[in-house]
Amino acid sequence: MINLLLLIGEITILYFFSAALTQNLYLVFLLVFRNRHVAVSLVTGLLFPGTVIHELSHLFTAEILGVHTGRLTLTPEAIEEKEVKTGSVAIAQTGPFRRAAIGLAPFWTGLIALGVLSYFLTSEKITQINVINNINIVKIILIYLIFTVSNTMFASPEDLKGLFPLMLTLVIAAGAAYASGFRFFLTGQALTIATQAETSLVHTLWIVLALNGVLLLISRLLIILTTKITHQRLRQ
């Protein structure tokens, strides 16, 4: 129960960290280059691996569920508008359950990817690799991938369309089942696997939060420093 609460808390904090960090990086590039198009392009390029995973998660989940897909885009659209889509994939109209599964696919894929990446990041074999002047190139790549995945894994408002009515229906159904005396518990090997996965995920998200927290602080300091040096005012 404690691990579950920690997990929910970590995911919540990561969501806000992700939004703030992406915005800060955009502001840093905007202050330096004084061009919105360049700033958006640089942030998009920096997060590109995560964007690829995000959109392919939508695409593959839709195909697996038998929902027709269309054009896949991995570059910014309508870059001069206030809200910029860094990528998209056309999905045919479908029922609420499949739509919700497709919309939330990048989140679950992101959690799995973060677990795998953090496992290799903390592996002794990776730690012992020193390529150039004692700089662990593999570890730097892993940290970069963790950064991009963790900041692109959350569903957009477009992804969450229709999710609220579905969640409300499921909550009502679960409440009715509970009131009627139905209980569901994991036991035996299933409980052991679930507990191990939960513990591993909690550990993984601590690593991700620490990384994003440091980057968030650095980006904020860069914004303050740049505004003082250039005497610019922030205009988004």
C-alpha atoms as a PDB file:
ATOM      1  CA  MET A   1       0.000   0.000   0.000  1.00  0.00           C
ATOM      2  CA  ILE A   2       2.857   2.362   0.885  1.00  0.00           C
ATOM      3  CA  ASN A   3       4.589   1.636  -2.436  1.00  0.00           C
ATOM      4  CA  LEU A   4       1.347   2.311  -4.299  1.00  0.00           C
ATOM      5  CA  LEU A   5       0.955   5.693  -2.613  1.00  0.00           C
ATOM      6  CA  LEU A   6       4.601   6.507  -3.346  1.00  0.00           C
ATOM      7  CA  LEU A   7       4.088   5.515  -6.967  1.00  0.00           C
ATOM      8  CA  ILE A   8       1.039   7.750  -7.354  1.00  0.00           C
ATOM      9  CA  GLY A   9       2.895  10.628  -5.709  1.00  0.00           C
ATOM     10  CA  GLU A  10       5.952  10.170  -7.917  1.00  0.00           C
ATOM     11  CA  ILE A  11       3.896  10.083 -11.103  1.00  0.00           C
ATOM     12  CA  THR A  12       2.025  13.228 -10.031  1.00  0.00           C
ATOM     13  CA  ILE A  13       5.250  15.104  -9.267  1.00  0.00           C
ATOM     14  CA  LEU A  14       6.813  13.888 -12.521  1.00  0.00           C
ATOM     15  CA  TYR A  15       3.833  15.219 -14.477  1.00  0.00           C
ATOM     16  CA  PHE A  16       4.351  18.729 -13.102  1.00  0.00           C
ATOM     17  CA  PHE A  17       8.149  18.481 -13.397  1.00  0.00           C
ATOM     18  CA  SER A  18       7.768  17.473 -17.047  1.00  0.00           C
ATOM     19  CA  ALA A  19       5.502  20.385 -17.922  1.00  0.00           C
ATOM     20  CA  ALA A  20       7.702  22.905 -16.078  1.00  0.00           C
ATOM     21  CA  LEU A  21      10.964  21.570 -17.515  1.00  0.00           C
ATOM     22  CA  THR A  22       9.708  21.596 -21.102  1.00  0.00           C
ATOM     23  CA  GLN A  23       8.460  25.161 -20.655  1.00  0.00           C
ATOM     24  CA  ASN A  24      11.765  26.266 -19.084  1.00  0.00           C
ATOM     25  CA  LEU A  25      13.806  24.759 -21.919  1.00  0.00           C
ATOM     26  CA  TYR A  26      11.609  26.579 -24.421  1.00  0.00           C
ATOM     27  CA  LEU A  27      12.125  29.864 -22.554  1.00  0.00           C
ATOM     28  CA  VAL A  28      15.902  29.370 -22.440  1.00  0.00           C
ATOM     29  CA  PHE A  29      16.051  28.850 -26.209  1.00  0.00           C
ATOM     30  CA  LEU A  30      13.653  31.753 -26.780  1.00  0.00           C
ATOM     31  CA  LEU A  31      15.819  34.100 -24.718  1.00  0.00           C
ATOM     32  CA  VAL A  32      19.009  33.006 -26.453  1.00  0.00           C
ATOM     33  CA  PHE A  33      17.774  32.943 -30.077  1.00  0.00           C
ATOM     34  CA  ARG A  34      14.864  35.436 -29.797  1.00  0.00           C
ATOM     35  CA  ASN A  35      12.841  33.406 -32.275  1.00  0.00           C
ATOM     36  CA  ARG A  36       9.808  31.274 -31.400  1.00  0.00           C
ATOM     37  CA  HIS A  37      10.234  29.022 -34.429  1.00  0.00           C
ATOM     38  CA  VAL A  38      13.834  28.219 -33.474  1.00  0.00           C
ATOM     39  CA  ALA A  39      12.949  27.703 -29.793  1.00  0.00           C
ATOM     40  CA  VAL A  40      10.121  25.259 -30.585  1.00  0.00           C
ATOM     41  CA  SER A  41      12.290  23.422 -33.117  1.00  0.00           C
ATOM     42  CA  LEU A  42      15.159  23.012 -30.628  1.00  0.00           C
ATOM     43  CA  VAL A  43      12.882  21.698 -27.853  1.00  0.00           C
ATOM     44  CA  THR A  44      11.259  19.331 -30.332  1.00  0.00           C
ATOM     45  CA  GLY A  45      14.637  18.097 -31.525  1.00  0.00           C
ATOM     46  CA  LEU A  46      15.857  17.640 -27.951  1.00  0.00           C
ATOM     47  CA  LEU A  47      12.810  15.511 -27.085  1.00  0.00           C
ATOM     48  CA  PHE A  48      12.644  13.716 -30.440  1.00  0.00           C
ATOM     49  CA  PRO A  49      13.381  10.135 -29.229  1.00  0.00           C
ATOM     50  CA  GLY A  50      10.609  10.434 -26.650  1.00  0.00           C
ATOM     51  CA  THR A  51       8.221  11.836 -29.258  1.00  0.00           C
ATOM     52  CA  VAL A  52       8.923   8.857 -31.526  1.00  0.00           C
ATOM     53  CA  ILE A  53       8.140   6.422 -28.701  1.00  0.00           C
ATOM     54  CA  HIS A  54       5.005   8.393 -27.787  1.00  0.00           C
ATOM     55  CA  GLU A  55       3.519   8.408 -31.283  1.00  0.00           C
ATOM     56  CA  LEU A  56       4.537   4.840 -32.129  1.00  0.00           C
ATOM     57  CA  SER A  57       2.821   3.719 -28.920  1.00  0.00           C
ATOM     58  CA  HIS A  58      -0.426   5.223 -30.227  1.00  0.00           C
ATOM     59  CA  LEU A  59       0.139   3.686 -33.647  1.00  0.00           C
ATOM     60  CA  PHE A  60       1.021   0.140 -32.565  1.00  0.00           C
ATOM     61  CA  THR A  61      -1.726   0.002 -29.914  1.00  0.00           C
ATOM     62  CA  ALA A  62      -4.308   1.098 -32.472  1.00  0.00           C
ATOM     63  CA  GLU A  63      -3.120  -1.515 -34.957  1.00  0.00           C
ATOM     64  CA  ILE A  64      -3.148  -4.259 -32.307  1.00  0.00           C
ATOM     65  CA  LEU A  65      -6.712  -3.298 -31.327  1.00  0.00           C
ATOM     66  CA  GLY A  66      -7.829  -3.300 -34.967  1.00  0.00           C
ATOM     67  CA  VAL A  67      -8.346   0.460 -35.261  1.00  0.00           C
ATOM     68  CA  HIS A  68      -7.370   1.995 -38.601  1.00  0.00           C
ATOM     69  CA  THR A  69      -4.531   4.521 -38.515  1.00  0.00           C
ATOM     70  CA  GLY A  70      -3.475   7.221 -40.952  1.00  0.00           C
ATOM     71  CA  ARG A  71      -0.729   9.781 -41.341  1.00  0.00           C
ATOM     72  CA  LEU A  72       2.091   9.704 -38.767  1.00  0.00           C
ATOM     73  CA  THR A  73       3.850  13.023 -38.067  1.00  0.00           C
ATOM     74  CA  LEU A  74       6.941  13.413 -35.894  1.00  0.00           C
ATOM     75  CA  THR A  75       7.598  17.111 -36.516  1.00  0.00           C
ATOM     76  CA  PRO A  76       5.896  20.208 -35.032  1.00  0.00           C
ATOM     77  CA  GLU A  77       2.617  21.308 -36.593  1.00  0.00           C
ATOM     78  CA  ALA A  78       1.202  24.848 -36.606  1.00  0.00           C
ATOM     79  CA  ILE A  79       4.407  26.112 -35.047  1.00  0.00           C
ATOM     80  CA  GLU A  80       3.269  29.735 -34.874  1.00  0.00           C
ATOM     81  CA  GLU A  81       0.204  28.907 -32.756  1.00  0.00           C
ATOM     82  CA  LYS A  82       0.187  29.007 -28.948  1.00  0.00           C
ATOM     83  CA  GLU A  83      -0.275  25.238 -28.593  1.00  0.00           C
ATOM     84  CA  VAL A  84       2.168  23.243 -30.698  1.00  0.00           C
ATOM     85  CA  LYS A  85       1.788  19.557 -31.496  1.00  0.00           C
ATOM     86  CA  THR A  86       5.226  17.970 -31.584  1.00  0.00           C
ATOM     87  CA  GLY A  87       3.824  14.879 -33.305  1.00  0.00           C
ATOM     88  CA  SER A  88       0.581  13.131 -34.164  1.00  0.00           C
ATOM     89  CA  VAL A  89      -0.935  10.030 -35.689  1.00  0.00           C
ATOM     90  CA  ALA A  90      -4.352   9.865 -37.320  1.00  0.00           C
ATOM     91  CA  ILE A  91      -6.654   7.376 -35.558  1.00  0.00           C
ATOM     92  CA  ALA A  92     -10.084   6.328 -36.857  1.00  0.00           C
ATOM     93  CA  GLN A  93     -13.171   6.762 -34.694  1.00  0.00           C
ATOM     94  CA  THR A  94     -13.674   3.866 -32.296  1.00  0.00           C
ATOM     95  CA  GLY A  95     -15.353   2.895 -29.034  1.00  0.00           C
ATOM     96  CA  PRO A  96     -14.465   4.459 -25.665  1.00  0.00           C
ATOM     97  CA  PHE A  97     -12.500   1.462 -24.357  1.00  0.00           C
ATOM     98  CA  ARG A  98     -10.209   1.175 -27.369  1.00  0.00           C
ATOM     99  CA  ARG A  99      -9.893   4.949 -27.606  1.00  0.00           C
ATOM    100  CA  ALA A 100      -8.800   5.129 -23.961  1.00  0.00           C
ATOM    101  CA  ALA A 101      -6.294   2.294 -24.446  1.00  0.00           C
ATOM    102  CA  ILE A 102      -4.800   4.052 -27.471  1.00  0.00           C
ATOM    103  CA  GLY A 103      -4.695   7.444 -25.732  1.00  0.00           C
ATOM    104  CA  LEU A 104      -2.976   6.111 -22.606  1.00  0.00           C
ATOM    105  CA  ALA A 105      -0.562   3.798 -24.450  1.00  0.00           C
ATOM    106  CA  PRO A 106       2.433   6.218 -24.322  1.00  0.00           C
ATOM    107  CA  PHE A 107       2.133   6.448 -20.530  1.00  0.00           C
ATOM    108  CA  TRP A 108       2.380   2.683 -20.010  1.00  0.00           C
ATOM    109  CA  THR A 109       5.060   2.345 -22.677  1.00  0.00           C
ATOM    110  CA  GLY A 110       6.964   5.188 -21.020  1.00  0.00           C
ATOM    111  CA  LEU A 111       6.874   3.502 -17.606  1.00  0.00           C
ATOM    112  CA  ILE A 112       8.194   0.259 -19.100  1.00  0.00           C
ATOM    113  CA  ALA A 113      10.915   2.107 -21.026  1.00  0.00           C
ATOM    114  CA  LEU A 114      11.972   4.031 -17.907  1.00  0.00           C
ATOM    115  CA  GLY A 115      12.184   0.792 -15.955  1.00  0.00           C
ATOM    116  CA  VAL A 116      14.422  -0.806 -18.585  1.00  0.00           C
ATOM    117  CA  LEU A 117      16.614   2.286 -18.964  1.00  0.00           C
ATOM    118  CA  SER A 118      17.082   2.758 -15.224  1.00  0.00           C
ATOM    119  CA  TYR A 119      17.955  -0.928 -14.856  1.00  0.00           C
ATOM    120  CA  PHE A 120      20.794  -0.558 -17.359  1.00  0.00           C
ATOM    121  CA  LEU A 121      21.800   2.816 -15.883  1.00  0.00           C
ATOM    122  CA  THR A 122      22.396   1.226 -12.475  1.00  0.00           C
ATOM    123  CA  SER A 123      23.925  -1.961 -13.872  1.00  0.00           C
ATOM    124  CA  GLU A 124      27.508  -2.636 -12.787  1.00  0.00           C
ATOM    125  CA  LYS A 125      28.477  -3.605 -16.329  1.00  0.00           C
ATOM    126  CA  ILE A 126      27.373  -0.195 -17.628  1.00  0.00           C
ATOM    127  CA  THR A 127      29.072   1.613 -14.736  1.00  0.00           C
ATOM    128  CA  GLN A 128      32.402  -0.030 -15.565  1.00  0.00           C
ATOM    129  CA  ILE A 129      32.358   1.136 -19.208  1.00  0.00           C
ATOM    130  CA  ASN A 130      34.741   4.064 -19.723  1.00  0.00           C
ATOM    131  CA  VAL A 131      35.081   5.043 -23.350  1.00  0.00           C
ATOM    132  CA  ILE A 132      36.827   8.398 -23.679  1.00  0.00           C
ATOM    133  CA  ASN A 133      38.816  10.078 -20.902  1.00  0.00           C
ATOM    134  CA  ASN A 134      36.851   8.221 -18.227  1.00  0.00           C
ATOM    135  CA  ILE A 135      33.573   9.589 -19.618  1.00  0.00           C
ATOM    136  CA  ASN A 136      30.910   6.884 -19.716  1.00  0.00           C
ATOM    137  CA  ILE A 137      29.256   7.559 -23.083  1.00  0.00           C
ATOM    138  CA  VAL A 138      26.728   4.750 -22.631  1.00  0.00           C
ATOM    139  CA  LYS A 139      25.570   6.194 -19.306  1.00  0.00           C
ATOM    140  CA  ILE A 140      25.192   9.663 -20.837  1.00  0.00           C
ATOM    141  CA  ILE A 141      23.031   8.197 -23.609  1.00  0.00           C
ATOM    142  CA  LEU A 142      20.890   6.349 -21.053  1.00  0.00           C
ATOM    143  CA  ILE A 143      20.406   9.535 -19.001  1.00  0.00           C
ATOM    144  CA  TYR A 144      19.424  11.425 -22.158  1.00  0.00           C
ATOM    145  CA  LEU A 145      16.887   8.748 -23.104  1.00  0.00           C
ATOM    146  CA  ILE A 146      15.421   8.780 -19.585  1.00  0.00           C
ATOM    147  CA  PHE A 147      15.088  12.562 -19.892  1.00  0.00           C
ATOM    148  CA  THR A 148      13.310  12.427 -23.257  1.00  0.00           C
ATOM    149  CA  VAL A 149      10.972   9.542 -22.380  1.00  0.00           C
ATOM    150  CA  SER A 150       9.963  10.973 -18.991  1.00  0.00           C
ATOM    151  CA  ASN A 151       9.103  14.330 -20.560  1.00  0.00           C
ATOM    152  CA  THR A 152       6.998  12.961 -23.433  1.00  0.00           C
ATOM    153  CA  MET A 153       5.175  10.000 -21.862  1.00  0.00           C
ATOM    154  CA  PHE A 154       2.131  11.839 -20.544  1.00  0.00           C
ATOM    155  CA  ALA A 155      -1.103  11.959 -22.522  1.00  0.00           C
ATOM    156  CA  SER A 156      -2.116  15.189 -24.235  1.00  0.00           C
ATOM    157  CA  PRO A 157      -5.644  16.658 -23.951  1.00  0.00           C
ATOM    158  CA  GLU A 158      -6.327  15.199 -27.401  1.00  0.00           C
ATOM    159  CA  ASP A 159      -5.293  11.744 -26.172  1.00  0.00           C
ATOM    160  CA  LEU A 160      -7.660  11.987 -23.188  1.00  0.00           C
ATOM    161  CA  LYS A 161     -10.795  12.793 -25.167  1.00  0.00           C
ATOM    162  CA  GLY A 162     -13.608  10.540 -23.997  1.00  0.00           C
ATOM    163  CA  LEU A 163     -11.590   9.209 -21.050  1.00  0.00           C
ATOM    164  CA  PHE A 164     -13.613  10.932 -18.311  1.00  0.00           C
ATOM    165  CA  PRO A 165     -16.978   9.307 -19.199  1.00  0.00           C
ATOM    166  CA  LEU A 166     -15.235   5.931 -19.425  1.00  0.00           C
ATOM    167  CA  MET A 167     -13.517   6.371 -16.044  1.00  0.00           C
ATOM    168  CA  LEU A 168     -16.820   7.471 -14.481  1.00  0.00           C
ATOM    169  CA  THR A 169     -18.508   4.347 -15.851  1.00  0.00           C
ATOM    170  CA  LEU A 170     -15.735   2.103 -14.495  1.00  0.00           C
ATOM    171  CA  VAL A 171     -15.834   3.767 -11.059  1.00  0.00           C
ATOM    172  CA  ILE A 172     -19.600   3.295 -10.862  1.00  0.00           C
ATOM    173  CA  ALA A 173     -19.256  -0.340 -11.954  1.00  0.00           C
ATOM    174  CA  ALA A 174     -16.473  -0.968  -9.408  1.00  0.00           C
ATOM    175  CA  GLY A 175     -18.517   0.690  -6.673  1.00  0.00           C
ATOM    176  CA  ALA A 176     -21.536  -1.457  -7.506  1.00  0.00           C
ATOM    177  CA  ALA A 177     -19.390  -4.607  -7.489  1.00  0.00           C
ATOM    178  CA  TYR A 178     -17.868  -3.673  -4.130  1.00  0.00           C
ATOM    179  CA  ALA A 179     -21.288  -2.939  -2.629  1.00  0.00           C
ATOM    180  CA  SER A 180     -22.541  -6.328  -3.806  1.00  0.00           C
ATOM    181  CA  GLY A 181     -19.696  -8.061  -1.953  1.00  0.00           C
ATOM    182  CA  PHE A 182     -17.288  -8.734  -4.813  1.00  0.00           C
ATOM    183  CA  ARG A 183     -13.590  -8.586  -3.829  1.00  0.00           C
ATOM    184  CA  PHE A 184     -10.455  -9.047  -5.909  1.00  0.00           C
ATOM    185  CA  PHE A 185      -7.078  -9.908  -4.404  1.00  0.00           C
ATOM    186  CA  LEU A 186      -3.769 -11.046  -5.851  1.00  0.00           C
ATOM    187  CA  THR A 187      -2.241 -14.108  -4.220  1.00  0.00           C
ATOM    188  CA  GLY A 188       0.764 -16.380  -4.585  1.00  0.00           C
ATOM    189  CA  GLN A 189       3.122 -15.832  -7.502  1.00  0.00           C
ATOM    190  CA  ALA A 190       0.945 -13.104  -9.031  1.00  0.00           C
ATOM    191  CA  LEU A 191       1.183 -11.070  -5.812  1.00  0.00           C
ATOM    192  CA  THR A 192       4.976 -11.562  -5.653  1.00  0.00           C
ATOM    193  CA  ILE A 193       5.461 -10.404  -9.262  1.00  0.00           C
ATOM    194  CA  ALA A 194       3.179  -7.391  -8.779  1.00  0.00           C
ATOM    195  CA  THR A 195       4.995  -6.379  -5.584  1.00  0.00           C
ATOM    196  CA  GLN A 196       8.421  -6.670  -7.214  1.00  0.00           C
ATOM    197  CA  ALA A 197       7.265  -4.665 -10.244  1.00  0.00           C
ATOM    198  CA  GLU A 198       5.784  -1.972  -7.996  1.00  0.00           C
ATOM    199  CA  THR A 199       8.978  -1.701  -5.917  1.00  0.00           C
ATOM    200  CA  SER A 200      11.141  -1.544  -9.043  1.00  0.00           C
ATOM    201  CA  LEU A 201       8.957   1.171 -10.540  1.00  0.00           C
ATOM    202  CA  VAL A 202       9.121   3.257  -7.355  1.00  0.00           C
ATOM    203  CA  HIS A 203      12.934   3.041  -7.466  1.00  0.00           C
ATOM    204  CA  THR A 204      12.964   3.915 -11.168  1.00  0.00           C
ATOM    205  CA  LEU A 205      10.817   7.009 -10.708  1.00  0.00           C
ATOM    206  CA  TRP A 206      13.070   8.251  -7.882  1.00  0.00           C
ATOM    207  CA  ILE A 207      15.934   8.250 -10.387  1.00  0.00           C
ATOM    208  CA  VAL A 208      13.801  10.011 -12.992  1.00  0.00           C
ATOM    209  CA  LEU A 209      12.573  12.634 -10.509  1.00  0.00           C
ATOM    210  CA  ALA A 210      16.111  13.325  -9.296  1.00  0.00           C
ATOM    211  CA  LEU A 211      17.306  13.807 -12.881  1.00  0.00           C
ATOM    212  CA  ASN A 212      14.405  16.039 -13.877  1.00  0.00           C
ATOM    213  CA  GLY A 213      14.655  17.998 -10.638  1.00  0.00           C
ATOM    214  CA  VAL A 214      18.311  18.826 -11.287  1.00  0.00           C
ATOM    215  CA  LEU A 215      17.569  19.772 -14.911  1.00  0.00           C
ATOM    216  CA  LEU A 216      14.621  21.893 -13.796  1.00  0.00           C
ATOM    217  CA  LEU A 217      16.851  23.797 -11.379  1.00  0.00           C
ATOM    218  CA  ILE A 218      19.586  24.272 -13.996  1.00  0.00           C
ATOM    219  CA  SER A 219      17.104  25.486 -16.617  1.00  0.00           C
ATOM    220  CA  ARG A 220      15.581  27.950 -14.135  1.00  0.00           C
ATOM    221  CA  LEU A 221      19.002  29.326 -13.259  1.00  0.00           C
ATOM    222  CA  LEU A 222      19.787  29.679 -16.969  1.00  0.00           C
ATOM    223  CA  ILE A 223      16.598  31.692 -17.474  1.00  0.00           C
ATOM    224  CA  ILE A 224      17.466  34.047 -14.596  1.00  0.00           C
ATOM    225  CA  LEU A 225      21.073  34.408 -15.787  1.00  0.00           C
ATOM    226  CA  THR A 226      20.090  35.003 -19.432  1.00  0.00           C
ATOM    227  CA  THR A 227      17.463  37.619 -18.581  1.00  0.00           C
ATOM    228  CA  LYS A 228      19.985  39.530 -16.459  1.00  0.00           C
ATOM    229  CA  ILE A 229      22.710  39.388 -19.107  1.00  0.00           C
ATOM    230  CA  THR A 230      20.502  40.288 -22.069  1.00  0.00           C
ATOM    231  CA  HIS A 231      18.042  42.512 -20.144  1.00  0.00           C
ATOM    232  CA  GLN A 232      15.195  40.807 -21.935  1.00  0.00           C
ATOM    233  CA  ARG A 233      11.634  40.324 -20.730  1.00  0.00           C
ATOM    234  CA  LEU A 234       9.985  36.965 -21.144  1.00  0.00           C
ATOM    235  CA  ARG A 235       7.447  37.001 -23.942  1.00  0.00           C
ATOM    236  CA  GLN A 236       6.080  33.624 -24.935  1.00  0.00           C
END
